Amino acid sequence: MMLKKEEVMEDIIKEAKIFHFGTLSSTHEGVREATRFAIDIAKESGAMISFDPNLREPLWDSPEDARKEIEYGLSKCDILKISDNELEFMTGTNDYSKGVEILREQYDIKIIFVTLGKDGSRAYYKDLTAEQPTFTQIKAIEKTGAGDTFEGCALNYLLEHDIDSMTENDLSDLLVFANAGASLITTRKGALKVMPEKSEIEILVSDFHD
């Protein structure tokens, strides 16, 4: 909330392959300016732009203020991670495929991930759609960090693959990996400091395939 434009580390952003942001850094004027400045640097440097609406309505003066900032993010991103309730908030439908089509009609987004809580996740890419269930054998104790872990895993996968030539199998593998990471963090108290290591996720994925 206190970040200022002049504190943005331009050199780091210029070296990035992906720049990720959410609306939590757009709730106040100063950090909103810093965020938009950073996005512009990233786009000019050729980075892929990743966006998570991360809707937290109590942080906004009104739902319309939140909607406006989410619309800005949608207009800038190549990669979108959006939850089921956020998609319904923005499109007015709980038919998630229809909601994605509404967004696609308005925005040029390469790949859209829809997280569905206990029902897993979906990926929409070109004319392909993939869906994978959550890991039901994992006993969750809290949801903190699940969405961020999912997105971190998804972005890691995209860095290792060509986003311009993904296959349906690629999308399914990505979702399994991201769902596994998100499931693991729900078994731990906290968020960033307890995010699972890649090796832990790969073990769970291996068990899933067995």
N, C-alpha and C. Protein backbone atom coordinates (compact mmCIF):
# COMPACT_ATOMS: atom_id res chain seq x y z
N MET A 1 0.82 -1.21 0.00
CA MET A 1 0.00 0.00 0.00
C MET A 1 0.86 1.26 0.00
N MET A 2 2.09 1.16 0.53
CA MET A 2 2.96 2.33 0.65
C MET A 2 3.95 2.46 -0.51
N LEU A 3 3.97 1.49 -1.41
CA LEU A 3 4.93 1.53 -2.51
C LEU A 3 4.70 2.74 -3.41
N LYS A 4 5.79 3.41 -3.76
CA LYS A 4 5.71 4.59 -4.62
C LYS A 4 6.36 4.30 -5.97
N LYS A 5 5.96 5.07 -6.97
CA LYS A 5 6.47 4.89 -8.33
C LYS A 5 7.99 4.91 -8.37
N GLU A 6 8.60 5.85 -7.63
CA GLU A 6 10.05 5.99 -7.68
C GLU A 6 10.78 4.82 -7.01
N GLU A 7 10.05 3.99 -6.28
CA GLU A 7 10.67 2.83 -5.63
C GLU A 7 10.62 1.57 -6.50
N VAL A 8 9.94 1.64 -7.63
CA VAL A 8 9.84 0.49 -8.52
C VAL A 8 11.22 0.15 -9.09
N MET A 9 11.61 -1.12 -9.00
CA MET A 9 12.93 -1.56 -9.45
C MET A 9 12.88 -1.88 -10.94
N GLU A 10 13.14 -0.86 -11.75
CA GLU A 10 12.99 -1.00 -13.20
C GLU A 10 13.90 -2.06 -13.79
N ASP A 11 15.15 -2.14 -13.33
CA ASP A 11 16.11 -3.07 -13.91
C ASP A 11 15.66 -4.52 -13.74
N ILE A 12 15.11 -4.84 -12.58
CA ILE A 12 14.63 -6.21 -12.34
C ILE A 12 13.47 -6.53 -13.27
N ILE A 13 12.55 -5.59 -13.40
CA ILE A 13 11.37 -5.82 -14.24
C ILE A 13 11.78 -5.98 -15.70
N LYS A 14 12.77 -5.22 -16.15
CA LYS A 14 13.21 -5.29 -17.55
C LYS A 14 13.83 -6.65 -17.88
N GLU A 15 14.31 -7.35 -16.85
CA GLU A 15 14.91 -8.67 -17.06
C GLU A 15 13.90 -9.81 -16.91
N ALA A 16 12.69 -9.49 -16.51
CA ALA A 16 11.70 -10.52 -16.21
C ALA A 16 11.08 -11.11 -17.47
N LYS A 17 10.79 -12.41 -17.42
CA LYS A 17 10.06 -13.07 -18.50
C LYS A 17 8.55 -12.94 -18.28
N ILE A 18 8.15 -12.92 -17.02
CA ILE A 18 6.74 -12.75 -16.66
C ILE A 18 6.65 -11.69 -15.56
N PHE A 19 5.68 -10.80 -15.68
CA PHE A 19 5.39 -9.83 -14.62
C PHE A 19 3.97 -10.13 -14.12
N HIS A 20 3.85 -10.35 -12.82
CA HIS A 20 2.55 -10.72 -12.24
C HIS A 20 2.06 -9.61 -11.32
N PHE A 21 0.77 -9.32 -11.38
CA PHE A 21 0.20 -8.33 -10.48
C PHE A 21 -1.27 -8.67 -10.18
N GLY A 22 -1.79 -7.99 -9.17
CA GLY A 22 -3.19 -8.17 -8.80
C GLY A 22 -3.75 -6.84 -8.32
N THR A 23 -5.02 -6.83 -8.01
CA THR A 23 -5.65 -5.57 -7.63
C THR A 23 -5.34 -5.15 -6.20
N LEU A 24 -4.71 -6.02 -5.41
CA LEU A 24 -4.37 -5.62 -4.05
C LEU A 24 -3.36 -4.48 -4.04
N SER A 25 -2.63 -4.31 -5.16
CA SER A 25 -1.70 -3.18 -5.26
C SER A 25 -2.31 -2.04 -6.08
N SER A 26 -3.64 -1.99 -6.10
CA SER A 26 -4.33 -0.90 -6.81
C SER A 26 -5.41 -0.23 -5.97
N THR A 27 -5.43 -0.54 -4.69
CA THR A 27 -6.50 -0.02 -3.84
C THR A 27 -6.28 1.42 -3.43
N HIS A 28 -5.02 1.91 -3.53
CA HIS A 28 -4.72 3.28 -3.14
C HIS A 28 -3.93 3.97 -4.25
N GLU A 29 -4.08 5.28 -4.32
CA GLU A 29 -3.58 6.03 -5.47
C GLU A 29 -2.08 5.87 -5.72
N GLY A 30 -1.26 5.97 -4.65
CA GLY A 30 0.18 5.92 -4.83
C GLY A 30 0.66 4.58 -5.37
N VAL A 31 0.22 3.50 -4.75
CA VAL A 31 0.65 2.18 -5.19
C VAL A 31 0.00 1.81 -6.53
N ARG A 32 -1.16 2.35 -6.80
CA ARG A 32 -1.79 2.14 -8.11
C ARG A 32 -0.91 2.73 -9.22
N GLU A 33 -0.40 3.94 -8.97
CA GLU A 33 0.50 4.57 -9.94
C GLU A 33 1.77 3.74 -10.12
N ALA A 34 2.32 3.25 -9.03
CA ALA A 34 3.53 2.42 -9.09
C ALA A 34 3.28 1.14 -9.87
N THR A 35 2.12 0.52 -9.63
CA THR A 35 1.78 -0.73 -10.31
C THR A 35 1.65 -0.51 -11.81
N ARG A 36 0.96 0.53 -12.20
CA ARG A 36 0.76 0.79 -13.63
C ARG A 36 2.08 1.15 -14.31
N PHE A 37 2.92 1.85 -13.61
CA PHE A 37 4.24 2.18 -14.13
C PHE A 37 5.04 0.89 -14.37
N ALA A 38 4.99 -0.02 -13.41
CA ALA A 38 5.72 -1.29 -13.51
C ALA A 38 5.17 -2.13 -14.66
N ILE A 39 3.86 -2.15 -14.83
CA ILE A 39 3.25 -2.90 -15.93
C ILE A 39 3.72 -2.36 -17.27
N ASP A 40 3.77 -1.05 -17.39
CA ASP A 40 4.21 -0.44 -18.65
C ASP A 40 5.66 -0.82 -18.96
N ILE A 41 6.51 -0.82 -17.94
CA ILE A 41 7.91 -1.21 -18.13
C ILE A 41 7.98 -2.67 -18.60
N ALA A 42 7.21 -3.53 -17.94
CA ALA A 42 7.23 -4.96 -18.28
C ALA A 42 6.76 -5.19 -19.72
N LYS A 43 5.69 -4.52 -20.12
CA LYS A 43 5.18 -4.69 -21.48
C LYS A 43 6.18 -4.18 -22.51
N GLU A 44 6.78 -3.05 -22.23
CA GLU A 44 7.77 -2.49 -23.16
C GLU A 44 9.00 -3.39 -23.28
N SER A 45 9.28 -4.16 -22.23
CA SER A 45 10.45 -5.04 -22.21
C SER A 45 10.14 -6.42 -22.78
N GLY A 46 8.89 -6.65 -23.16
CA GLY A 46 8.52 -7.92 -23.78
C GLY A 46 8.13 -9.02 -22.83
N ALA A 47 7.91 -8.71 -21.56
CA ALA A 47 7.49 -9.73 -20.60
C ALA A 47 6.03 -10.10 -20.83
N MET A 48 5.70 -11.35 -20.51
CA MET A 48 4.30 -11.73 -20.45
C MET A 48 3.70 -11.14 -19.18
N ILE A 49 2.48 -10.69 -19.27
CA ILE A 49 1.82 -10.07 -18.13
C ILE A 49 0.79 -11.03 -17.55
N SER A 50 0.92 -11.31 -16.27
CA SER A 50 0.02 -12.22 -15.56
C SER A 50 -0.80 -11.41 -14.55
N PHE A 51 -2.09 -11.73 -14.46
CA PHE A 51 -2.99 -10.95 -13.60
C PHE A 51 -3.90 -11.86 -12.80
N ASP A 52 -4.07 -11.52 -11.53
CA ASP A 52 -5.00 -12.18 -10.63
C ASP A 52 -5.88 -11.10 -10.01
N PRO A 53 -7.18 -11.07 -10.32
CA PRO A 53 -8.05 -10.03 -9.76
C PRO A 53 -8.00 -9.95 -8.24
N ASN A 54 -7.90 -11.13 -7.58
CA ASN A 54 -7.73 -11.16 -6.12
C ASN A 54 -8.74 -10.24 -5.44
N LEU A 55 -10.00 -10.43 -5.76
CA LEU A 55 -11.06 -9.55 -5.26
C LEU A 55 -11.22 -9.66 -3.75
N ARG A 56 -11.04 -8.53 -3.08
CA ARG A 56 -11.29 -8.42 -1.64
C ARG A 56 -12.18 -7.19 -1.44
N GLU A 57 -13.47 -7.39 -1.50
CA GLU A 57 -14.41 -6.27 -1.54
C GLU A 57 -14.30 -5.31 -0.36
N PRO A 58 -14.00 -5.78 0.87
CA PRO A 58 -13.89 -4.82 1.99
C PRO A 58 -12.78 -3.79 1.82
N LEU A 59 -11.82 -4.04 0.93
CA LEU A 59 -10.71 -3.10 0.74
C LEU A 59 -11.08 -1.93 -0.16
N TRP A 60 -12.24 -2.00 -0.80
CA TRP A 60 -12.63 -0.98 -1.77
C TRP A 60 -13.75 -0.10 -1.23
N ASP A 61 -13.79 1.15 -1.69
CA ASP A 61 -14.88 2.04 -1.29
C ASP A 61 -16.21 1.56 -1.85
N SER A 62 -16.16 0.91 -3.02
CA SER A 62 -17.37 0.38 -3.63
C SER A 62 -17.01 -0.77 -4.56
N PRO A 63 -17.97 -1.67 -4.83
CA PRO A 63 -17.71 -2.74 -5.80
C PRO A 63 -17.33 -2.21 -7.18
N GLU A 64 -17.87 -1.05 -7.54
CA GLU A 64 -17.57 -0.49 -8.86
C GLU A 64 -16.10 -0.06 -8.97
N ASP A 65 -15.53 0.41 -7.86
CA ASP A 65 -14.10 0.75 -7.86
C ASP A 65 -13.27 -0.51 -8.13
N ALA A 66 -13.65 -1.61 -7.48
CA ALA A 66 -12.95 -2.87 -7.70
C ALA A 66 -13.12 -3.34 -9.15
N ARG A 67 -14.33 -3.23 -9.65
CA ARG A 67 -14.60 -3.66 -11.02
C ARG A 67 -13.75 -2.88 -12.03
N LYS A 68 -13.61 -1.59 -11.80
CA LYS A 68 -12.83 -0.74 -12.70
C LYS A 68 -11.37 -1.18 -12.74
N GLU A 69 -10.80 -1.49 -11.58
CA GLU A 69 -9.40 -1.92 -11.54
C GLU A 69 -9.21 -3.31 -12.14
N ILE A 70 -10.20 -4.18 -11.93
CA ILE A 70 -10.12 -5.51 -12.55
C ILE A 70 -10.18 -5.38 -14.07
N GLU A 71 -11.04 -4.50 -14.55
CA GLU A 71 -11.13 -4.28 -16.01
C GLU A 71 -9.80 -3.79 -16.57
N TYR A 72 -9.13 -2.92 -15.82
CA TYR A 72 -7.80 -2.46 -16.25
C TYR A 72 -6.84 -3.64 -16.35
N GLY A 73 -6.83 -4.48 -15.33
CA GLY A 73 -5.95 -5.65 -15.35
C GLY A 73 -6.24 -6.58 -16.51
N LEU A 74 -7.51 -6.80 -16.78
CA LEU A 74 -7.91 -7.67 -17.89
C LEU A 74 -7.43 -7.11 -19.22
N SER A 75 -7.39 -5.79 -19.32
CA SER A 75 -6.98 -5.15 -20.58
C SER A 75 -5.48 -5.25 -20.81
N LYS A 76 -4.71 -5.59 -19.77
CA LYS A 76 -3.25 -5.60 -19.86
C LYS A 76 -2.65 -7.00 -19.92
N CYS A 77 -3.37 -8.02 -19.48
CA CYS A 77 -2.73 -9.32 -19.23
C CYS A 77 -2.74 -10.26 -20.44
N ASP A 78 -1.73 -11.12 -20.46
CA ASP A 78 -1.66 -12.25 -21.38
C ASP A 78 -2.15 -13.52 -20.70
N ILE A 79 -1.97 -13.57 -19.37
CA ILE A 79 -2.29 -14.74 -18.56
C ILE A 79 -3.22 -14.28 -17.45
N LEU A 80 -4.35 -14.96 -17.30
CA LEU A 80 -5.32 -14.59 -16.27
C LEU A 80 -5.60 -15.78 -15.37
N LYS A 81 -5.48 -15.57 -14.06
CA LYS A 81 -5.96 -16.54 -13.08
C LYS A 81 -7.13 -15.90 -12.36
N ILE A 82 -8.31 -16.48 -12.51
CA ILE A 82 -9.50 -15.88 -11.93
C ILE A 82 -10.31 -16.96 -11.20
N SER A 83 -10.80 -16.65 -10.03
CA SER A 83 -11.58 -17.61 -9.26
C SER A 83 -13.03 -17.63 -9.74
N ASP A 84 -13.76 -18.65 -9.35
CA ASP A 84 -15.15 -18.78 -9.78
C ASP A 84 -15.99 -17.57 -9.34
N ASN A 85 -15.82 -17.11 -8.10
CA ASN A 85 -16.62 -15.97 -7.64
C ASN A 85 -16.22 -14.66 -8.32
N GLU A 86 -14.93 -14.52 -8.66
CA GLU A 86 -14.48 -13.32 -9.38
C GLU A 86 -15.02 -13.31 -10.80
N LEU A 87 -15.06 -14.46 -11.43
CA LEU A 87 -15.58 -14.56 -12.79
C LEU A 87 -17.07 -14.22 -12.81
N GLU A 88 -17.79 -14.70 -11.81
CA GLU A 88 -19.22 -14.38 -11.72
C GLU A 88 -19.41 -12.88 -11.43
N PHE A 89 -18.55 -12.30 -10.60
CA PHE A 89 -18.62 -10.87 -10.28
C PHE A 89 -18.45 -10.03 -11.54
N MET A 90 -17.55 -10.46 -12.43
CA MET A 90 -17.24 -9.66 -13.61
C MET A 90 -18.18 -9.92 -14.79
N THR A 91 -18.80 -11.09 -14.84
CA THR A 91 -19.60 -11.44 -16.02
C THR A 91 -21.08 -11.65 -15.73
N GLY A 92 -21.42 -11.81 -14.45
CA GLY A 92 -22.83 -12.00 -14.10
C GLY A 92 -23.38 -13.39 -14.35
N THR A 93 -22.50 -14.37 -14.63
CA THR A 93 -22.97 -15.73 -14.86
C THR A 93 -22.15 -16.72 -14.05
N ASN A 94 -22.79 -17.79 -13.60
CA ASN A 94 -22.07 -18.87 -12.93
C ASN A 94 -21.83 -20.04 -13.88
N ASP A 95 -22.10 -19.83 -15.18
CA ASP A 95 -21.67 -20.75 -16.22
C ASP A 95 -20.27 -20.29 -16.62
N TYR A 96 -19.24 -20.98 -16.10
CA TYR A 96 -17.89 -20.44 -16.18
C TYR A 96 -17.34 -20.42 -17.60
N SER A 97 -17.74 -21.38 -18.42
CA SER A 97 -17.31 -21.35 -19.82
C SER A 97 -17.92 -20.15 -20.54
N LYS A 98 -19.18 -19.87 -20.23
CA LYS A 98 -19.82 -18.69 -20.81
C LYS A 98 -19.15 -17.41 -20.30
N GLY A 99 -18.80 -17.39 -19.02
CA GLY A 99 -18.11 -16.23 -18.46
C GLY A 99 -16.78 -15.98 -19.14
N VAL A 100 -16.03 -17.06 -19.40
CA VAL A 100 -14.75 -16.93 -20.10
C VAL A 100 -14.96 -16.37 -21.50
N GLU A 101 -16.00 -16.83 -22.19
CA GLU A 101 -16.27 -16.32 -23.53
C GLU A 101 -16.61 -14.83 -23.50
N ILE A 102 -17.33 -14.41 -22.46
CA ILE A 102 -17.64 -12.98 -22.31
C ILE A 102 -16.35 -12.17 -22.18
N LEU A 103 -15.42 -12.67 -21.37
CA LEU A 103 -14.14 -11.97 -21.22
C LEU A 103 -13.35 -11.97 -22.52
N ARG A 104 -13.36 -13.10 -23.22
CA ARG A 104 -12.60 -13.20 -24.46
C ARG A 104 -13.14 -12.27 -25.55
N GLU A 105 -14.42 -12.00 -25.49
CA GLU A 105 -15.00 -11.08 -26.47
C GLU A 105 -14.51 -9.66 -26.27
N GLN A 106 -14.12 -9.35 -25.03
CA GLN A 106 -13.71 -7.99 -24.69
C GLN A 106 -12.20 -7.81 -24.60
N TYR A 107 -11.49 -8.89 -24.27
CA TYR A 107 -10.06 -8.75 -23.98
C TYR A 107 -9.25 -9.81 -24.72
N ASP A 108 -8.02 -9.45 -25.09
CA ASP A 108 -7.12 -10.35 -25.80
C ASP A 108 -6.20 -11.04 -24.79
N ILE A 109 -6.67 -12.14 -24.22
CA ILE A 109 -5.94 -12.86 -23.18
C ILE A 109 -5.56 -14.24 -23.74
N LYS A 110 -4.27 -14.57 -23.68
CA LYS A 110 -3.81 -15.81 -24.30
C LYS A 110 -4.33 -17.06 -23.59
N ILE A 111 -4.27 -17.05 -22.27
CA ILE A 111 -4.66 -18.23 -21.51
C ILE A 111 -5.36 -17.81 -20.23
N ILE A 112 -6.47 -18.47 -19.93
CA ILE A 112 -7.28 -18.14 -18.75
C ILE A 112 -7.41 -19.37 -17.88
N PHE A 113 -7.03 -19.23 -16.62
CA PHE A 113 -7.22 -20.28 -15.62
C PHE A 113 -8.38 -19.89 -14.72
N VAL A 114 -9.31 -20.80 -14.53
CA VAL A 114 -10.43 -20.57 -13.61
C VAL A 114 -10.28 -21.56 -12.46
N THR A 115 -10.11 -21.05 -11.25
CA THR A 115 -10.00 -21.92 -10.08
C THR A 115 -11.37 -22.10 -9.45
N LEU A 116 -11.68 -23.35 -9.12
CA LEU A 116 -13.03 -23.72 -8.69
C LEU A 116 -13.05 -24.31 -7.28
N GLY A 117 -12.07 -23.94 -6.46
CA GLY A 117 -12.04 -24.44 -5.08
C GLY A 117 -11.95 -25.95 -5.04
N LYS A 118 -12.84 -26.58 -4.29
CA LYS A 118 -12.82 -28.04 -4.13
C LYS A 118 -13.12 -28.78 -5.42
N ASP A 119 -13.60 -28.06 -6.44
CA ASP A 119 -13.92 -28.70 -7.72
C ASP A 119 -12.77 -28.64 -8.72
N GLY A 120 -11.60 -28.17 -8.29
CA GLY A 120 -10.44 -28.20 -9.16
C GLY A 120 -10.25 -26.92 -9.95
N SER A 121 -9.89 -27.06 -11.22
CA SER A 121 -9.58 -25.88 -12.04
C SER A 121 -9.76 -26.20 -13.51
N ARG A 122 -9.85 -25.14 -14.30
CA ARG A 122 -9.96 -25.27 -15.75
C ARG A 122 -8.96 -24.33 -16.41
N ALA A 123 -8.59 -24.67 -17.64
CA ALA A 123 -7.75 -23.81 -18.48
C ALA A 123 -8.44 -23.61 -19.82
N TYR A 124 -8.45 -22.39 -20.29
CA TYR A 124 -9.02 -22.04 -21.59
C TYR A 124 -7.91 -21.40 -22.43
N TYR A 125 -7.63 -22.01 -23.58
CA TYR A 125 -6.51 -21.59 -24.40
C TYR A 125 -6.86 -21.83 -25.87
N LYS A 126 -6.85 -20.77 -26.67
CA LYS A 126 -7.25 -20.89 -28.08
C LYS A 126 -8.60 -21.61 -28.14
N ASP A 127 -8.69 -22.73 -28.88
CA ASP A 127 -9.95 -23.46 -28.94
C ASP A 127 -9.94 -24.68 -28.02
N LEU A 128 -8.98 -24.72 -27.09
CA LEU A 128 -8.84 -25.85 -26.18
C LEU A 128 -9.35 -25.52 -24.79
N THR A 129 -9.92 -26.53 -24.14
CA THR A 129 -10.33 -26.42 -22.74
C THR A 129 -9.87 -27.67 -22.00
N ALA A 130 -9.31 -27.49 -20.83
CA ALA A 130 -8.91 -28.62 -19.99
C ALA A 130 -9.45 -28.41 -18.59
N GLU A 131 -9.72 -29.51 -17.91
CA GLU A 131 -10.23 -29.44 -16.53
C GLU A 131 -9.60 -30.57 -15.73
N GLN A 132 -9.22 -30.27 -14.49
CA GLN A 132 -8.65 -31.27 -13.61
C GLN A 132 -9.23 -31.11 -12.21
N PRO A 133 -9.49 -32.23 -11.53
CA PRO A 133 -10.04 -32.16 -10.18
C PRO A 133 -8.97 -31.79 -9.17
N THR A 134 -9.40 -31.41 -7.99
CA THR A 134 -8.46 -31.16 -6.91
C THR A 134 -7.97 -32.49 -6.35
N PHE A 135 -7.03 -32.44 -5.45
CA PHE A 135 -6.48 -33.65 -4.85
C PHE A 135 -7.29 -33.98 -3.58
N THR A 136 -8.27 -34.84 -3.75
CA THR A 136 -9.23 -35.10 -2.66
C THR A 136 -8.60 -35.82 -1.48
N GLN A 137 -7.45 -36.48 -1.69
CA GLN A 137 -6.81 -37.18 -0.58
C GLN A 137 -6.12 -36.22 0.38
N ILE A 138 -5.97 -34.98 -0.05
CA ILE A 138 -5.32 -33.97 0.80
C ILE A 138 -6.36 -33.39 1.76
N LYS A 139 -6.05 -33.41 3.04
CA LYS A 139 -6.97 -32.88 4.05
C LYS A 139 -6.59 -31.43 4.38
N ALA A 140 -7.39 -30.51 3.90
CA ALA A 140 -7.08 -29.09 4.05
C ALA A 140 -7.39 -28.61 5.47
N ILE A 141 -6.55 -27.68 5.96
CA ILE A 141 -6.81 -27.04 7.25
C ILE A 141 -7.09 -25.55 7.08
N GLU A 142 -6.61 -24.94 5.98
CA GLU A 142 -6.94 -23.56 5.67
C GLU A 142 -6.62 -23.28 4.20
N LYS A 143 -7.26 -22.25 3.65
CA LYS A 143 -7.14 -21.98 2.22
C LYS A 143 -6.13 -20.88 1.89
N THR A 144 -5.54 -20.26 2.93
CA THR A 144 -4.63 -19.13 2.70
C THR A 144 -3.50 -19.51 1.76
N GLY A 145 -3.32 -18.73 0.71
CA GLY A 145 -2.21 -18.96 -0.21
C GLY A 145 -2.47 -19.94 -1.32
N ALA A 146 -3.65 -20.58 -1.33
CA ALA A 146 -3.91 -21.60 -2.35
C ALA A 146 -3.93 -21.00 -3.76
N GLY A 147 -4.60 -19.87 -3.91
CA GLY A 147 -4.68 -19.24 -5.23
C GLY A 147 -3.32 -18.76 -5.72
N ASP A 148 -2.53 -18.17 -4.82
CA ASP A 148 -1.20 -17.69 -5.19
C ASP A 148 -0.28 -18.85 -5.54
N THR A 149 -0.40 -19.95 -4.80
CA THR A 149 0.42 -21.13 -5.10
C THR A 149 0.03 -21.72 -6.44
N PHE A 150 -1.27 -21.81 -6.69
CA PHE A 150 -1.74 -22.28 -8.00
C PHE A 150 -1.11 -21.45 -9.11
N GLU A 151 -1.18 -20.13 -8.98
CA GLU A 151 -0.68 -19.27 -10.04
C GLU A 151 0.84 -19.37 -10.17
N GLY A 152 1.54 -19.46 -9.05
CA GLY A 152 2.99 -19.62 -9.12
C GLY A 152 3.38 -20.89 -9.86
N CYS A 153 2.67 -21.96 -9.59
CA CYS A 153 2.93 -23.23 -10.27
C CYS A 153 2.60 -23.13 -11.76
N ALA A 154 1.48 -22.49 -12.08
CA ALA A 154 1.08 -22.33 -13.47
C ALA A 154 2.12 -21.52 -14.24
N LEU A 155 2.60 -20.43 -13.64
CA LEU A 155 3.59 -19.59 -14.30
C LEU A 155 4.92 -20.34 -14.46
N ASN A 156 5.29 -21.14 -13.46
CA ASN A 156 6.50 -21.95 -13.58
C ASN A 156 6.39 -22.89 -14.77
N TYR A 157 5.23 -23.51 -14.93
CA TYR A 157 5.02 -24.43 -16.05
C TYR A 157 5.12 -23.68 -17.38
N LEU A 158 4.53 -22.50 -17.45
CA LEU A 158 4.56 -21.73 -18.69
C LEU A 158 5.97 -21.28 -19.04
N LEU A 159 6.81 -21.04 -18.03
CA LEU A 159 8.20 -20.66 -18.30
C LEU A 159 8.98 -21.82 -18.91
N GLU A 160 8.52 -23.04 -18.66
CA GLU A 160 9.21 -24.22 -19.17
C GLU A 160 8.61 -24.72 -20.48
N HIS A 161 7.55 -24.08 -20.95
CA HIS A 161 6.89 -24.50 -22.18
C HIS A 161 6.60 -23.25 -23.03
N ASP A 162 6.31 -23.48 -24.29
CA ASP A 162 6.02 -22.38 -25.21
C ASP A 162 4.54 -22.02 -25.13
N ILE A 163 4.24 -20.84 -24.60
CA ILE A 163 2.85 -20.45 -24.42
C ILE A 163 2.12 -20.32 -25.76
N ASP A 164 2.85 -20.21 -26.83
CA ASP A 164 2.21 -20.05 -28.14
C ASP A 164 1.88 -21.38 -28.83
N SER A 165 2.31 -22.49 -28.22
CA SER A 165 2.03 -23.79 -28.86
C SER A 165 1.68 -24.86 -27.84
N MET A 166 0.81 -24.52 -26.91
CA MET A 166 0.38 -25.47 -25.89
C MET A 166 -0.58 -26.49 -26.48
N THR A 167 -0.49 -27.73 -26.01
CA THR A 167 -1.42 -28.78 -26.41
C THR A 167 -2.43 -29.04 -25.28
N GLU A 168 -3.43 -29.82 -25.57
CA GLU A 168 -4.42 -30.16 -24.53
C GLU A 168 -3.74 -30.93 -23.40
N ASN A 169 -2.79 -31.80 -23.74
CA ASN A 169 -2.05 -32.54 -22.71
C ASN A 169 -1.23 -31.59 -21.85
N ASP A 170 -0.63 -30.58 -22.49
CA ASP A 170 0.13 -29.57 -21.73
C ASP A 170 -0.78 -28.88 -20.71
N LEU A 171 -1.96 -28.48 -21.16
CA LEU A 171 -2.90 -27.79 -20.27
C LEU A 171 -3.29 -28.67 -19.09
N SER A 172 -3.55 -29.96 -19.37
CA SER A 172 -3.92 -30.88 -18.29
C SER A 172 -2.77 -31.07 -17.31
N ASP A 173 -1.55 -31.24 -17.85
CA ASP A 173 -0.38 -31.41 -16.98
C ASP A 173 -0.17 -30.17 -16.12
N LEU A 174 -0.33 -29.00 -16.72
CA LEU A 174 -0.19 -27.75 -15.97
C LEU A 174 -1.19 -27.70 -14.82
N LEU A 175 -2.44 -28.03 -15.10
CA LEU A 175 -3.47 -27.97 -14.06
C LEU A 175 -3.21 -28.97 -12.94
N VAL A 176 -2.77 -30.16 -13.30
CA VAL A 176 -2.45 -31.16 -12.27
C VAL A 176 -1.34 -30.64 -11.36
N PHE A 177 -0.29 -30.08 -11.96
CA PHE A 177 0.84 -29.55 -11.20
C PHE A 177 0.39 -28.39 -10.30
N ALA A 178 -0.39 -27.47 -10.86
CA ALA A 178 -0.84 -26.31 -10.09
C ALA A 178 -1.84 -26.71 -9.00
N ASN A 179 -2.74 -27.64 -9.31
CA ASN A 179 -3.68 -28.13 -8.30
C ASN A 179 -2.94 -28.81 -7.16
N ALA A 180 -1.89 -29.55 -7.50
CA ALA A 180 -1.12 -30.25 -6.47
C ALA A 180 -0.45 -29.24 -5.53
N GLY A 181 0.16 -28.21 -6.10
CA GLY A 181 0.78 -27.19 -5.27
C GLY A 181 -0.22 -26.49 -4.37
N ALA A 182 -1.36 -26.13 -4.95
CA ALA A 182 -2.41 -25.45 -4.17
C ALA A 182 -2.95 -26.36 -3.07
N SER A 183 -3.09 -27.65 -3.37
CA SER A 183 -3.59 -28.59 -2.36
C SER A 183 -2.62 -28.73 -1.20
N LEU A 184 -1.33 -28.78 -1.51
CA LEU A 184 -0.33 -28.96 -0.45
C LEU A 184 -0.31 -27.79 0.52
N ILE A 185 -0.44 -26.57 0.00
CA ILE A 185 -0.35 -25.43 0.92
C ILE A 185 -1.56 -25.34 1.84
N THR A 186 -2.68 -25.94 1.42
CA THR A 186 -3.87 -25.91 2.30
C THR A 186 -3.70 -26.81 3.52
N THR A 187 -2.65 -27.62 3.54
CA THR A 187 -2.40 -28.48 4.70
C THR A 187 -1.50 -27.80 5.72
N ARG A 188 -1.13 -26.53 5.46
CA ARG A 188 -0.17 -25.83 6.30
C ARG A 188 -0.73 -24.48 6.76
N LYS A 189 -0.33 -24.08 7.92
CA LYS A 189 -0.70 -22.76 8.42
C LYS A 189 0.20 -21.71 7.79
N GLY A 190 -0.43 -20.65 7.24
CA GLY A 190 0.36 -19.58 6.66
C GLY A 190 0.25 -19.57 5.15
N ALA A 191 1.15 -18.78 4.52
CA ALA A 191 1.06 -18.62 3.07
C ALA A 191 2.45 -18.70 2.44
N LEU A 192 3.09 -17.57 2.20
CA LEU A 192 4.32 -17.54 1.41
C LEU A 192 5.43 -18.43 1.96
N LYS A 193 5.66 -18.39 3.25
CA LYS A 193 6.79 -19.12 3.82
C LYS A 193 6.59 -20.63 3.81
N VAL A 194 5.37 -21.08 3.62
CA VAL A 194 5.12 -22.53 3.63
C VAL A 194 4.72 -23.06 2.26
N MET A 195 4.94 -22.26 1.22
CA MET A 195 4.66 -22.76 -0.13
C MET A 195 5.51 -24.01 -0.39
N PRO A 196 4.93 -25.02 -1.02
CA PRO A 196 5.67 -26.27 -1.24
C PRO A 196 6.80 -26.11 -2.24
N GLU A 197 7.83 -26.89 -2.07
CA GLU A 197 8.92 -26.96 -3.04
C GLU A 197 8.46 -27.73 -4.28
N LYS A 198 9.11 -27.48 -5.40
CA LYS A 198 8.75 -28.17 -6.63
C LYS A 198 8.85 -29.68 -6.46
N SER A 199 9.88 -30.13 -5.74
CA SER A 199 10.07 -31.58 -5.54
C SER A 199 8.90 -32.21 -4.79
N GLU A 200 8.34 -31.48 -3.82
CA GLU A 200 7.18 -31.98 -3.07
C GLU A 200 5.97 -32.13 -3.99
N ILE A 201 5.79 -31.14 -4.85
CA ILE A 201 4.67 -31.16 -5.78
C ILE A 201 4.81 -32.33 -6.75
N GLU A 202 6.03 -32.54 -7.24
CA GLU A 202 6.27 -33.60 -8.21
C GLU A 202 6.00 -34.98 -7.61
N ILE A 203 6.29 -35.15 -6.31
CA ILE A 203 5.99 -36.42 -5.64
C ILE A 203 4.49 -36.65 -5.60
N LEU A 204 3.72 -35.62 -5.24
CA LEU A 204 2.27 -35.76 -5.19
C LEU A 204 1.71 -36.03 -6.57
N VAL A 205 2.23 -35.35 -7.59
CA VAL A 205 1.77 -35.58 -8.97
C VAL A 205 2.08 -37.00 -9.41
N SER A 206 3.26 -37.50 -9.04
CA SER A 206 3.66 -38.87 -9.38
C SER A 206 2.71 -39.88 -8.75
N ASP A 207 2.33 -39.64 -7.49
CA ASP A 207 1.37 -40.52 -6.81
C ASP A 207 0.02 -40.48 -7.51
N PHE A 208 -0.35 -39.29 -8.00
CA PHE A 208 -1.63 -39.10 -8.70
C PHE A 208 -1.65 -39.94 -9.98
N HIS A 209 -0.54 -39.93 -10.73
CA HIS A 209 -0.48 -40.66 -11.99
C HIS A 209 -0.41 -42.17 -11.76
N ASP A 210 0.16 -42.56 -10.60
CA ASP A 210 0.22 -44.00 -10.29
C ASP A 210 -1.17 -44.53 -9.98
